[in-house]
C-alpha cells in the first residue's frame, strides 16, 4: 500500500470525518472505498471468471433446445476459411516460392 497526502478545505474535512464516523470507518478506509467505486479496482482472474459465468447465458440452443453441431459452430468462422470466396486472395507472389519439388531439390543441394 502507498500513502497519499490530500489537501482539503476545512469544511470538506469536517464532513469527511462525520461521514466516516457515521459508517464506523476510518477516514482512510472511507476514502479508499469512495475511490474504488469511482475509478474501480483491480480484480483477480477468479473474480473476473465468476462475473463472466454469472452473466446472461449464451443462447446457443434453438427453440427446441437442440444445440448446434461442431460443424455448424465452426463452419463459417474457422474451419472452412480456405473455402470462402469472400476472402482476399494471396499476395500474388506464390510463383516466386516455387513448387514443392523445387523446394525439395534446393534442400537436397544444400
PDB file of N, CA and C in Angstrom:
ATOM      1  N   UNK A   1       0.829  -1.189   0.000  1.00  0.00           N
ATOM      2  CA  UNK A   1       0.000   0.000   0.000  1.00  0.00           C
ATOM      3  C   UNK A   1       0.863   1.237   0.000  1.00  0.00           C
ATOM      4  N   UNK A   2       0.356   2.261  -0.622  1.00  0.00           N
ATOM      5  CA  UNK A   2       1.056   3.538  -0.680  1.00  0.00           C
ATOM      6  C   UNK A   2       0.261   4.585   0.092  1.00  0.00           C
ATOM      7  N   UNK A   3       0.964   5.595   0.555  1.00  0.00           N
ATOM      8  CA  UNK A   3       0.323   6.716   1.238  1.00  0.00           C
ATOM      9  C   UNK A   3       0.094   7.840   0.251  1.00  0.00           C
ATOM     10  N   UNK A   4      -0.940   8.636   0.511  1.00  0.00           N
ATOM     11  CA  UNK A   4      -1.297   9.752  -0.338  1.00  0.00           C
ATOM     12  C   UNK A   4      -1.651  10.933   0.562  1.00  0.00           C
ATOM     13  N   UNK A   5      -1.092  12.081   0.268  1.00  0.00           N
ATOM     14  CA  UNK A   5      -1.422  13.301   1.009  1.00  0.00           C
ATOM     15  C   UNK A   5      -2.399  14.110   0.175  1.00  0.00           C
ATOM     16  N   UNK A   6      -3.524  14.471   0.790  1.00  0.00           N
ATOM     17  CA  UNK A   6      -4.556  15.217   0.096  1.00  0.00           C
ATOM     18  C   UNK A   6      -4.822  16.496   0.875  1.00  0.00           C
ATOM     19  N   UNK A   7      -4.910  17.603   0.162  1.00  0.00           N
ATOM     20  CA  UNK A   7      -5.232  18.885   0.787  1.00  0.00           C
ATOM     21  C   UNK A   7      -6.713  19.158   0.561  1.00  0.00           C
ATOM     22  N   UNK A   8      -7.448  19.343   1.669  1.00  0.00           N
ATOM     23  CA  UNK A   8      -8.887  19.575   1.603  1.00  0.00           C
ATOM     24  C   UNK A   8      -9.253  20.854   2.337  1.00  0.00           C
ATOM     25  N   UNK A   9     -10.301  21.512   1.916  1.00  0.00           N
ATOM     26  CA  UNK A   9     -10.813  22.636   2.703  1.00  0.00           C
ATOM     27  C   UNK A   9     -11.296  22.125   4.066  1.00  0.00           C
ATOM     28  N   UNK A  10     -11.231  22.977   5.069  1.00  0.00           N
ATOM     29  CA  UNK A  10     -11.616  22.575   6.423  1.00  0.00           C
ATOM     30  C   UNK A  10     -13.031  22.004   6.474  1.00  0.00           C
ATOM     31  N   UNK A  11     -13.959  22.640   5.777  1.00  0.00           N
ATOM     32  CA  UNK A  11     -15.354  22.189   5.797  1.00  0.00           C
ATOM     33  C   UNK A  11     -15.499  20.792   5.192  1.00  0.00           C
ATOM     34  N   UNK A  12     -14.778  20.547   4.113  1.00  0.00           N
ATOM     35  CA  UNK A  12     -14.819  19.228   3.473  1.00  0.00           C
ATOM     36  C   UNK A  12     -14.237  18.171   4.398  1.00  0.00           C
ATOM     37  N   UNK A  13     -13.150  18.492   5.080  1.00  0.00           N
ATOM     38  CA  UNK A  13     -12.540  17.550   6.018  1.00  0.00           C
ATOM     39  C   UNK A  13     -13.499  17.241   7.166  1.00  0.00           C
ATOM     40  N   UNK A  14     -14.208  18.234   7.643  1.00  0.00           N
ATOM     41  CA  UNK A  14     -15.179  18.010   8.721  1.00  0.00           C
ATOM     42  C   UNK A  14     -16.289  17.077   8.267  1.00  0.00           C
ATOM     43  N   UNK A  15     -16.807  17.303   7.070  1.00  0.00           N
ATOM     44  CA  UNK A  15     -17.871  16.432   6.558  1.00  0.00           C
ATOM     45  C   UNK A  15     -17.350  15.011   6.329  1.00  0.00           C
ATOM     46  N   UNK A  16     -16.095  14.904   5.903  1.00  0.00           N
ATOM     47  CA  UNK A  16     -15.479  13.589   5.706  1.00  0.00           C
ATOM     48  C   UNK A  16     -15.397  12.841   7.030  1.00  0.00           C
ATOM     49  N   UNK A  17     -14.941  13.506   8.074  1.00  0.00           N
ATOM     50  CA  UNK A  17     -14.839  12.872   9.399  1.00  0.00           C
ATOM     51  C   UNK A  17     -16.203  12.370   9.872  1.00  0.00           C
ATOM     52  N   UNK A  18     -17.221  13.213   9.708  1.00  0.00           N
ATOM     53  CA  UNK A  18     -18.569  12.842  10.156  1.00  0.00           C
ATOM     54  C   UNK A  18     -19.093  11.654   9.356  1.00  0.00           C
ATOM     55  N   UNK A  19     -18.940  11.697   8.029  1.00  0.00           N
ATOM     56  CA  UNK A  19     -19.436  10.609   7.178  1.00  0.00           C
ATOM     57  C   UNK A  19     -18.728   9.298   7.484  1.00  0.00           C
ATOM     58  N   UNK A  20     -17.412   9.339   7.677  1.00  0.00           N
ATOM     59  CA  UNK A  20     -16.659   8.123   8.010  1.00  0.00           C
ATOM     60  C   UNK A  20     -17.084   7.587   9.375  1.00  0.00           C
ATOM     61  N   UNK A  21     -17.249   8.478  10.359  1.00  0.00           N
ATOM     62  CA  UNK A  21     -17.655   8.056  11.701  1.00  0.00           C
ATOM     63  C   UNK A  21     -19.059   7.451  11.672  1.00  0.00           C
ATOM     64  N   UNK A  22     -19.936   8.036  10.876  1.00  0.00           N
ATOM     65  CA  UNK A  22     -21.307   7.537  10.769  1.00  0.00           C
ATOM     66  C   UNK A  22     -21.320   6.093  10.283  1.00  0.00           C
ATOM     67  N   UNK A  23     -20.385   5.742   9.402  1.00  0.00           N
ATOM     68  CA  UNK A  23     -20.302   4.370   8.892  1.00  0.00           C
ATOM     69  C   UNK A  23     -19.367   3.489   9.714  1.00  0.00           C
ATOM     70  N   UNK A  24     -18.770   4.071  10.778  1.00  0.00           N
ATOM     71  CA  UNK A  24     -17.881   3.287  11.638  1.00  0.00           C
ATOM     72  C   UNK A  24     -16.574   2.913  10.968  1.00  0.00           C
ATOM     73  N   UNK A  25     -16.092   3.792  10.088  1.00  0.00           N
ATOM     74  CA  UNK A  25     -14.859   3.514   9.349  1.00  0.00           C
ATOM     75  C   UNK A  25     -13.853   4.616   9.606  1.00  0.00           C
ATOM     76  N   UNK A  26     -12.593   4.279   9.384  1.00  0.00           N
ATOM     77  CA  UNK A  26     -11.563   5.312   9.429  1.00  0.00           C
ATOM     78  C   UNK A  26     -11.717   6.175   8.181  1.00  0.00           C
ATOM     79  N   UNK A  27     -11.170   7.378   8.229  1.00  0.00           N
ATOM     80  CA  UNK A  27     -11.236   8.237   7.050  1.00  0.00           C
ATOM     81  C   UNK A  27     -10.495   7.595   5.882  1.00  0.00           C
ATOM     82  N   UNK A  28      -9.390   6.917   6.171  1.00  0.00           N
ATOM     83  CA  UNK A  28      -8.624   6.259   5.120  1.00  0.00           C
ATOM     84  C   UNK A  28      -9.463   5.186   4.424  1.00  0.00           C
ATOM     85  N   UNK A  29     -10.120   4.340   5.213  1.00  0.00           N
ATOM     86  CA  UNK A  29     -10.958   3.274   4.649  1.00  0.00           C
ATOM     87  C   UNK A  29     -12.126   3.878   3.874  1.00  0.00           C
ATOM     88  N   UNK A  30     -12.727   4.915   4.425  1.00  0.00           N
ATOM     89  CA  UNK A  30     -13.868   5.579   3.791  1.00  0.00           C
ATOM     90  C   UNK A  30     -13.468   6.152   2.428  1.00  0.00           C
ATOM     91  N   UNK A  31     -12.364   6.871   2.378  1.00  0.00           N
ATOM     92  CA  UNK A  31     -11.897   7.478   1.130  1.00  0.00           C
ATOM     93  C   UNK A  31     -11.484   6.385   0.131  1.00  0.00           C
ATOM     94  N   UNK A  32     -10.845   5.326   0.612  1.00  0.00           N
ATOM     95  CA  UNK A  32     -10.458   4.215  -0.264  1.00  0.00           C
ATOM     96  C   UNK A  32     -11.680   3.618  -0.948  1.00  0.00           C
ATOM     97  N   UNK A  33     -12.749   3.388  -0.176  1.00  0.00           N
ATOM     98  CA  UNK A  33     -13.963   2.814  -0.758  1.00  0.00           C
ATOM     99  C   UNK A  33     -14.608   3.767  -1.768  1.00  0.00           C
ATOM    100  N   UNK A  34     -14.588   5.064  -1.466  1.00  0.00           N
ATOM    101  CA  UNK A  34     -15.121   6.041  -2.412  1.00  0.00           C
ATOM    102  C   UNK A  34     -14.341   6.004  -3.726  1.00  0.00           C
ATOM    103  N   UNK A  35     -13.025   5.961  -3.621  1.00  0.00           N
ATOM    104  CA  UNK A  35     -12.189   5.938  -4.820  1.00  0.00           C
ATOM    105  C   UNK A  35     -12.369   4.647  -5.616  1.00  0.00           C
ATOM    106  N   UNK A  36     -12.493   3.520  -4.923  1.00  0.00           N
ATOM    107  CA  UNK A  36     -12.699   2.252  -5.620  1.00  0.00           C
ATOM    108  C   UNK A  36     -14.002   2.258  -6.399  1.00  0.00           C
ATOM    109  N   UNK A  37     -15.047   2.868  -5.809  1.00  0.00           N
ATOM    110  CA  UNK A  37     -16.313   2.967  -6.531  1.00  0.00           C
ATOM    111  C   UNK A  37     -16.186   3.895  -7.737  1.00  0.00           C
ATOM    112  N   UNK A  38     -15.388   4.927  -7.599  1.00  0.00           N
ATOM    113  CA  UNK A  38     -15.259   5.928  -8.667  1.00  0.00           C
ATOM    114  C   UNK A  38     -14.350   5.454  -9.805  1.00  0.00           C
ATOM    115  N   UNK A  39     -13.191   4.892  -9.475  1.00  0.00           N
ATOM    116  CA  UNK A  39     -12.222   4.504 -10.505  1.00  0.00           C
ATOM    117  C   UNK A  39     -12.098   3.000 -10.671  1.00  0.00           C
ATOM    118  N   UNK A  40     -12.829   2.253  -9.886  1.00  0.00           N
ATOM    119  CA  UNK A  40     -12.759   0.801  -9.982  1.00  0.00           C
ATOM    120  C   UNK A  40     -11.559   0.260  -9.227  1.00  0.00           C
ATOM    121  N   UNK A  41     -11.483  -1.041  -9.211  1.00  0.00           N
ATOM    122  CA  UNK A  41     -10.350  -1.689  -8.567  1.00  0.00           C
ATOM    123  C   UNK A  41      -9.955  -2.887  -9.405  1.00  0.00           C
ATOM    124  N   UNK A  42      -8.733  -3.326  -9.241  1.00  0.00           N
ATOM    125  CA  UNK A  42      -8.244  -4.484  -9.959  1.00  0.00           C
ATOM    126  C   UNK A  42      -8.902  -5.720  -9.373  1.00  0.00           C
ATOM    127  N   UNK A  43      -9.380  -6.589 -10.246  1.00  0.00           N
ATOM    128  CA  UNK A  43      -9.990  -7.820  -9.764  1.00  0.00           C
ATOM    129  C   UNK A  43      -9.114  -8.999 -10.160  1.00  0.00           C
ATOM    130  N   UNK A  44      -9.228 -10.066  -9.402  1.00  0.00           N
ATOM    131  CA  UNK A  44      -8.437 -11.261  -9.677  1.00  0.00           C
ATOM    132  C   UNK A  44      -9.039 -12.008 -10.867  1.00  0.00           C
ATOM    133  N   UNK A  45      -8.281 -12.939 -11.404  1.00  0.00           N
ATOM    134  CA  UNK A  45      -8.784 -13.758 -12.505  1.00  0.00           C
ATOM    135  C   UNK A  45     -10.014 -14.540 -12.061  1.00  0.00           C
ATOM    136  N   UNK A  46      -9.991 -14.986 -10.819  1.00  0.00           N
ATOM    137  CA  UNK A  46     -11.127 -15.756 -10.286  1.00  0.00           C
ATOM    138  C   UNK A  46     -12.388 -14.889 -10.246  1.00  0.00           C
ATOM    139  N   UNK A  47     -12.241 -13.636  -9.760  1.00  0.00           N
ATOM    140  CA  UNK A  47     -13.386 -12.726  -9.720  1.00  0.00           C
ATOM    141  C   UNK A  47     -13.909 -12.431 -11.119  1.00  0.00           C
ATOM    142  N   UNK A  48     -13.001 -12.237 -12.069  1.00  0.00           N
ATOM    143  CA  UNK A  48     -13.412 -11.965 -13.448  1.00  0.00           C
ATOM    144  C   UNK A  48     -14.172 -13.160 -14.024  1.00  0.00           C
ATOM    145  N   UNK A  49     -13.678 -14.362 -13.765  1.00  0.00           N
ATOM    146  CA  UNK A  49     -14.349 -15.568 -14.248  1.00  0.00           C
ATOM    147  C   UNK A  49     -15.721 -15.711 -13.604  1.00  0.00           C
ATOM    148  N   UNK A  50     -15.806 -15.472 -12.306  1.00  0.00           N
ATOM    149  CA  UNK A  50     -17.095 -15.555 -11.619  1.00  0.00           C
ATOM    150  C   UNK A  50     -18.094 -14.558 -12.194  1.00  0.00           C
ATOM    151  N   UNK A  51     -17.640 -13.333 -12.476  1.00  0.00           N
ATOM    152  CA  UNK A  51     -18.529 -12.326 -13.072  1.00  0.00           C
ATOM    153  C   UNK A  51     -19.005 -12.762 -14.450  1.00  0.00           C
ATOM    154  N   UNK A  52     -18.080 -13.312 -15.239  1.00  0.00           N
ATOM    155  CA  UNK A  52     -18.439 -13.763 -16.584  1.00  0.00           C
ATOM    156  C   UNK A  52     -19.462 -14.892 -16.519  1.00  0.00           C
ATOM    157  N   UNK A  53     -19.215 -15.863 -15.659  1.00  0.00           N
ATOM    158  CA  UNK A  53     -20.112 -17.015 -15.566  1.00  0.00           C
ATOM    159  C   UNK A  53     -21.469 -16.638 -14.973  1.00  0.00           C
ATOM    160  N   UNK A  54     -21.507 -15.582 -14.178  1.00  0.00           N
ATOM    161  CA  UNK A  54     -22.772 -15.134 -13.592  1.00  0.00           C
ATOM    162  C   UNK A  54     -23.598 -14.316 -14.576  1.00  0.00           C
ATOM    163  N   UNK A  55     -22.993 -13.948 -15.701  1.00  0.00           N
ATOM    164  CA  UNK A  55     -23.683 -13.128 -16.688  1.00  0.00           C
ATOM    165  C   UNK A  55     -24.791 -13.892 -17.382  1.00  0.00           C
ATOM    166  N   UNK A  56     -25.448 -13.257 -18.328  1.00  0.00           N
ATOM    167  CA  UNK A  56     -26.544 -13.924 -19.037  1.00  0.00           C
ATOM    168  C   UNK A  56     -26.028 -15.107 -19.836  1.00  0.00           C
ATOM    169  N   UNK A  57     -26.816 -16.170 -19.922  1.00  0.00           N
ATOM    170  CA  UNK A  57     -26.380 -17.341 -20.684  1.00  0.00           C
ATOM    171  C   UNK A  57     -26.328 -17.025 -22.172  1.00  0.00           C
ATOM    172  N   UNK A  58     -25.444 -17.712 -22.866  1.00  0.00           N
ATOM    173  CA  UNK A  58     -25.338 -17.538 -24.313  1.00  0.00           C
ATOM    174  C   UNK A  58     -26.428 -18.367 -24.981  1.00  0.00           C
ATOM    175  N   UNK A  59     -27.223 -17.773 -25.854  1.00  0.00           N
ATOM    176  CA  UNK A  59     -28.332 -18.506 -26.479  1.00  0.00           C
ATOM    177  C   UNK A  59     -27.833 -19.394 -27.621  1.00  0.00           C
ATOM    178  N   UNK A  60     -27.313 -20.564 -27.286  1.00  0.00           N
ATOM    179  CA  UNK A  60     -26.781 -21.458 -28.310  1.00  0.00           C
ATOM    180  C   UNK A  60     -27.838 -22.414 -28.856  1.00  0.00           C
ATOM    181  N   UNK A  61     -28.818 -22.770 -28.034  1.00  0.00           N
ATOM    182  CA  UNK A  61     -29.797 -23.757 -28.479  1.00  0.00           C
ATOM    183  C   UNK A  61     -30.918 -23.087 -29.275  1.00  0.00           C
ATOM    184  N   UNK A  62     -31.562 -23.890 -30.128  1.00  0.00           N
ATOM    185  CA  UNK A  62     -32.687 -23.361 -30.895  1.00  0.00           C
ATOM    186  C   UNK A  62     -33.963 -23.430 -30.055  1.00  0.00           C
ATOM    187  N   UNK A  63     -35.104 -23.143 -30.672  1.00  0.00           N
ATOM    188  CA  UNK A  63     -36.367 -23.108 -29.928  1.00  0.00           C
ATOM    189  C   UNK A  63     -36.766 -24.464 -29.364  1.00  0.00           C
ATOM    190  N   UNK A  64     -36.189 -25.560 -29.894  1.00  0.00           N
ATOM    191  CA  UNK A  64     -36.477 -26.910 -29.400  1.00  0.00           C
ATOM    192  C   UNK A  64     -35.444 -27.399 -28.390  1.00  0.00           C
ATOM    193  N   UNK A  65     -34.473 -26.547 -28.065  1.00  0.00           N
ATOM    194  CA  UNK A  65     -33.439 -26.932 -27.114  1.00  0.00           C
ATOM    195  C   UNK A  65     -32.282 -27.683 -27.736  1.00  0.00           C
ATOM    196  N   UNK A  66     -32.254 -27.802 -29.073  1.00  0.00           N
ATOM    197  CA  UNK A  66     -31.185 -28.534 -29.764  1.00  0.00           C
ATOM    198  C   UNK A  66     -29.957 -27.645 -29.874  1.00  0.00           C
ATOM    199  N   UNK A  67     -28.815 -28.186 -29.485  1.00  0.00           N
ATOM    200  CA  UNK A  67     -27.554 -27.462 -29.604  1.00  0.00           C
ATOM    201  C   UNK A  67     -26.954 -27.677 -30.979  1.00  0.00           C
ATOM    202  N   UNK A  68     -26.220 -26.707 -31.498  1.00  0.00           N
ATOM    203  CA  UNK A  68     -25.610 -26.870 -32.822  1.00  0.00           C
ATOM    204  C   UNK A  68     -24.476 -27.897 -32.777  1.00  0.00           C
ATOM    205  N   UNK A  69     -24.230 -28.512 -33.919  1.00  0.00           N
ATOM    206  CA  UNK A  69     -23.119 -29.456 -34.018  1.00  0.00           C
ATOM    207  C   UNK A  69     -21.813 -28.677 -34.114  1.00  0.00           C
ATOM    208  N   UNK A  70     -20.709 -29.381 -33.983  1.00  0.00           N
ATOM    209  CA  UNK A  70     -19.403 -28.742 -34.094  1.00  0.00           C
ATOM    210  C   UNK A  70     -19.241 -28.081 -35.472  1.00  0.00           C
ATOM    211  N   UNK A  71     -19.680 -28.778 -36.505  1.00  0.00           N
ATOM    212  CA  UNK A  71     -19.579 -28.242 -37.866  1.00  0.00           C
ATOM    213  C   UNK A  71     -20.374 -26.956 -38.004  1.00  0.00           C
ATOM    214  N   UNK A  72     -21.580 -26.936 -37.440  1.00  0.00           N
ATOM    215  CA  UNK A  72     -22.416 -25.737 -37.528  1.00  0.00           C
ATOM    216  C   UNK A  72     -21.785 -24.557 -36.778  1.00  0.00           C
ATOM    217  N   UNK A  73     -21.117 -24.847 -35.670  1.00  0.00           N
ATOM    218  CA  UNK A  73     -20.488 -23.779 -34.894  1.00  0.00           C
ATOM    219  C   UNK A  73     -19.306 -23.158 -35.624  1.00  0.00           C
ATOM    220  N   UNK A  74     -18.489 -24.004 -36.238  1.00  0.00           N
ATOM    221  CA  UNK A  74     -17.224 -23.526 -36.796  1.00  0.00           C
ATOM    222  C   UNK A  74     -17.202 -23.383 -38.312  1.00  0.00           C
ATOM    223  N   UNK A  75     -18.226 -23.843 -38.989  1.00  0.00           N
ATOM    224  CA  UNK A  75     -18.203 -23.913 -40.445  1.00  0.00           C
ATOM    225  C   UNK A  75     -17.827 -22.593 -41.102  1.00  0.00           C
ATOM    226  N   UNK A  76     -18.509 -21.518 -40.808  1.00  0.00           N
ATOM    227  CA  UNK A  76     -18.238 -20.240 -41.466  1.00  0.00           C
ATOM    228  C   UNK A  76     -17.139 -19.437 -40.789  1.00  0.00           C
ATOM    229  N   UNK A  77     -16.765 -19.790 -39.580  1.00  0.00           N
ATOM    230  CA  UNK A  77     -15.860 -18.929 -38.824  1.00  0.00           C
ATOM    231  C   UNK A  77     -14.393 -19.344 -38.921  1.00  0.00           C
ATOM    232  N   UNK A  78     -14.098 -20.623 -38.756  1.00  0.00           N
ATOM    233  CA  UNK A  78     -12.703 -21.017 -38.674  1.00  0.00           C
ATOM    234  C   UNK A  78     -12.305 -22.125 -39.648  1.00  0.00           C
ATOM    235  N   UNK A  79     -12.992 -23.254 -39.580  1.00  0.00           N
ATOM    236  CA  UNK A  79     -12.514 -24.437 -40.274  1.00  0.00           C
ATOM    237  C   UNK A  79     -12.640 -24.364 -41.790  1.00  0.00           C
ATOM    238  N   UNK A  80     -13.611 -23.674 -42.306  1.00  0.00           N
ATOM    239  CA  UNK A  80     -13.797 -23.627 -43.753  1.00  0.00           C
ATOM    240  C   UNK A  80     -13.239 -22.350 -44.353  1.00  0.00           C
ATOM    241  N   UNK A  81     -12.333 -21.707 -43.675  1.00  0.00           N
ATOM    242  CA  UNK A  81     -11.792 -20.431 -44.137  1.00  0.00           C
ATOM    243  C   UNK A  81     -11.215 -20.545 -45.545  1.00  0.00           C
ATOM    244  N   UNK A  82     -10.521 -21.634 -45.842  1.00  0.00           N
ATOM    245  CA  UNK A  82      -9.886 -21.784 -47.143  1.00  0.00           C
ATOM    246  C   UNK A  82     -10.896 -21.941 -48.282  1.00  0.00           C
ATOM    247  N   UNK A  83     -12.151 -22.251 -47.973  1.00  0.00           N
ATOM    248  CA  UNK A  83     -13.165 -22.447 -48.996  1.00  0.00           C
ATOM    249  C   UNK A  83     -13.989 -21.198 -49.265  1.00  0.00           C
ATOM    250  N   UNK A  84     -13.805 -20.162 -48.495  1.00  0.00           N
ATOM    251  CA  UNK A  84     -14.647 -18.978 -48.618  1.00  0.00           C
ATOM    252  C   UNK A  84     -14.173 -18.081 -49.748  1.00  0.00           C
ATOM    253  N   UNK A  85     -15.076 -17.774 -50.672  1.00  0.00           N
ATOM    254  CA  UNK A  85     -14.749 -16.956 -51.837  1.00  0.00           C
ATOM    255  C   UNK A  85     -14.604 -15.488 -51.472  1.00  0.00           C
ATOM    256  N   UNK A  86     -15.168 -15.064 -50.337  1.00  0.00           N
ATOM    257  CA  UNK A  86     -15.135 -13.650 -49.995  1.00  0.00           C
ATOM    258  C   UNK A  86     -13.817 -13.217 -49.354  1.00  0.00           C
ATOM    259  N   UNK A  87     -12.900 -14.142 -49.110  1.00  0.00           N
ATOM    260  CA  UNK A  87     -11.603 -13.788 -48.536  1.00  0.00           C
ATOM    261  C   UNK A  87     -10.675 -13.287 -49.634  1.00  0.00           C
ATOM    262  N   UNK A  88      -9.760 -12.418 -49.265  1.00  0.00           N
ATOM    263  CA  UNK A  88      -8.819 -11.852 -50.229  1.00  0.00           C
ATOM    264  C   UNK A  88      -7.869 -12.937 -50.720  1.00  0.00           C
ATOM    265  N   UNK A  89      -7.503 -12.913 -51.995  1.00  0.00           N
ATOM    266  CA  UNK A  89      -6.513 -13.871 -52.494  1.00  0.00           C
ATOM    267  C   UNK A  89      -5.140 -13.556 -51.906  1.00  0.00           C
ATOM    268  N   UNK A  90      -4.208 -14.428 -52.147  1.00  0.00           N
ATOM    269  CA  UNK A  90      -2.850 -14.224 -51.649  1.00  0.00           C
ATOM    270  C   UNK A  90      -2.193 -13.007 -52.255  1.00  0.00           C
ATOM    271  N   UNK A  91      -0.938 -12.798 -51.974  1.00  0.00           N
ATOM    272  CA  UNK A  91      -0.221 -11.610 -52.423  1.00  0.00           C
ATOM    273  C   UNK A  91       0.083 -11.636 -53.918  1.00  0.00           C
ATOM    274  N   UNK A  92      -0.123 -12.781 -54.572  1.00  0.00           N
ATOM    275  CA  UNK A  92       0.203 -12.881 -55.991  1.00  0.00           C
ATOM    276  C   UNK A  92       1.638 -13.308 -56.208  1.00  0.00           C
ATOM    277  N   UNK A  93       2.356 -13.571 -55.125  1.00  0.00           N
ATOM    278  CA  UNK A  93       3.772 -13.938 -55.229  1.00  0.00           C
ATOM    279  C   UNK A  93       3.978 -15.435 -55.048  1.00  0.00           C
ATOM    280  N   UNK A  94       2.919 -16.222 -55.210  1.00  0.00           N
ATOM    281  CA  UNK A  94       3.030 -17.662 -54.991  1.00  0.00           C
ATOM    282  C   UNK A  94       4.045 -18.294 -55.942  1.00  0.00           C
ATOM    283  N   UNK A  95       4.125 -17.787 -57.179  1.00  0.00           N
ATOM    284  CA  UNK A  95       5.039 -18.347 -58.171  1.00  0.00           C
ATOM    285  C   UNK A  95       6.491 -18.190 -57.733  1.00  0.00           C
ATOM    286  N   UNK A  96       6.776 -17.121 -56.972  1.00  0.00           N
ATOM    287  CA  UNK A  96       8.152 -16.900 -56.514  1.00  0.00           C
ATOM    288  C   UNK A  96       8.609 -17.993 -55.560  1.00  0.00           C
ATOM    289  N   UNK A  97       7.669 -18.591 -54.842  1.00  0.00           N
ATOM    290  CA  UNK A  97       8.024 -19.617 -53.871  1.00  0.00           C
ATOM    291  C   UNK A  97       8.441 -20.904 -54.561  1.00  0.00           C
ATOM    292  N   UNK A  98       7.915 -21.149 -55.754  1.00  0.00           N
ATOM    293  CA  UNK A  98       8.256 -22.367 -56.474  1.00  0.00           C
ATOM    294  C   UNK A  98       7.385 -23.522 -56.033  1.00  0.00           C
ATOM    295  N   UNK A  99       7.528 -24.622 -56.710  1.00  0.00           N
ATOM    296  CA  UNK A  99       6.730 -25.802 -56.386  1.00  0.00           C
ATOM    297  C   UNK A  99       7.382 -26.564 -55.242  1.00  0.00           C
ATOM    298  N   UNK A 100       6.653 -27.543 -54.753  1.00  0.00           N
ATOM    299  CA  UNK A 100       7.184 -28.381 -53.671  1.00  0.00           C
ATOM    300  C   UNK A 100       8.422 -29.114 -54.149  1.00  0.00           C
ATOM    301  N   UNK A 101       8.410 -29.566 -55.417  1.00  0.00           N
ATOM    302  CA  UNK A 101       9.571 -30.282 -55.967  1.00  0.00           C
ATOM    303  C   UNK A 101      10.793 -29.379 -56.007  1.00  0.00           C
ATOM    304  N   UNK A 102      10.593 -28.091 -56.373  1.00  0.00           N
ATOM    305  CA  UNK A 102      11.719 -27.149 -56.417  1.00  0.00           C
ATOM    306  C   UNK A 102      12.319 -26.965 -55.025  1.00  0.00           C
ATOM    307  N   UNK A 103      11.470 -26.856 -54.028  1.00  0.00           N
ATOM    308  CA  UNK A 103      11.944 -26.663 -52.655  1.00  0.00           C
ATOM    309  C   UNK A 103      12.716 -27.888 -52.198  1.00  0.00           C
ATOM    310  N   UNK A 104      12.184 -29.088 -52.497  1.00  0.00           N
ATOM    311  CA  UNK A 104      12.857 -30.317 -52.111  1.00  0.00           C
ATOM    312  C   UNK A 104      14.221 -30.429 -52.810  1.00  0.00           C
ATOM    313  N   UNK A 105      14.273 -30.066 -54.093  1.00  0.00           N
ATOM    314  CA  UNK A 105      15.523 -30.122 -54.838  1.00  0.00           C
ATOM    315  C   UNK A 105      16.550 -29.176 -54.262  1.00  0.00           C
ATOM    316  N   UNK A 106      16.107 -27.959 -53.905  1.00  0.00           N
ATOM    317  CA  UNK A 106      17.028 -26.982 -53.318  1.00  0.00           C
ATOM    318  C   UNK A 106      17.569 -27.480 -51.969  1.00  0.00           C
ATOM    319  N   UNK A 107      16.718 -28.122 -51.186  1.00  0.00           N
ATOM    320  CA  UNK A 107      17.185 -28.583 -49.875  1.00  0.00           C
ATOM    321  C   UNK A 107      18.152 -29.764 -50.026  1.00  0.00           C
ATOM    322  N   UNK A 108      17.982 -30.562 -51.099  1.00  0.00           N
ATOM    323  CA  UNK A 108      18.916 -31.674 -51.347  1.00  0.00           C
ATOM    324  C   UNK A 108      20.291 -31.152 -51.722  1.00  0.00           C
ATOM    325  N   UNK A 109      20.346 -30.031 -52.448  1.00  0.00           N
ATOM    326  CA  UNK A 109      21.607 -29.442 -52.857  1.00  0.00           C
ATOM    327  C   UNK A 109      22.362 -28.825 -51.675  1.00  0.00           C
ATOM    328  N   UNK A 110      21.605 -28.314 -50.688  1.00  0.00           N
ATOM    329  CA  UNK A 110      22.239 -27.625 -49.557  1.00  0.00           C
ATOM    330  C   UNK A 110      22.800 -28.565 -48.565  1.00  0.00           C
TER     331      UNK A 110
END
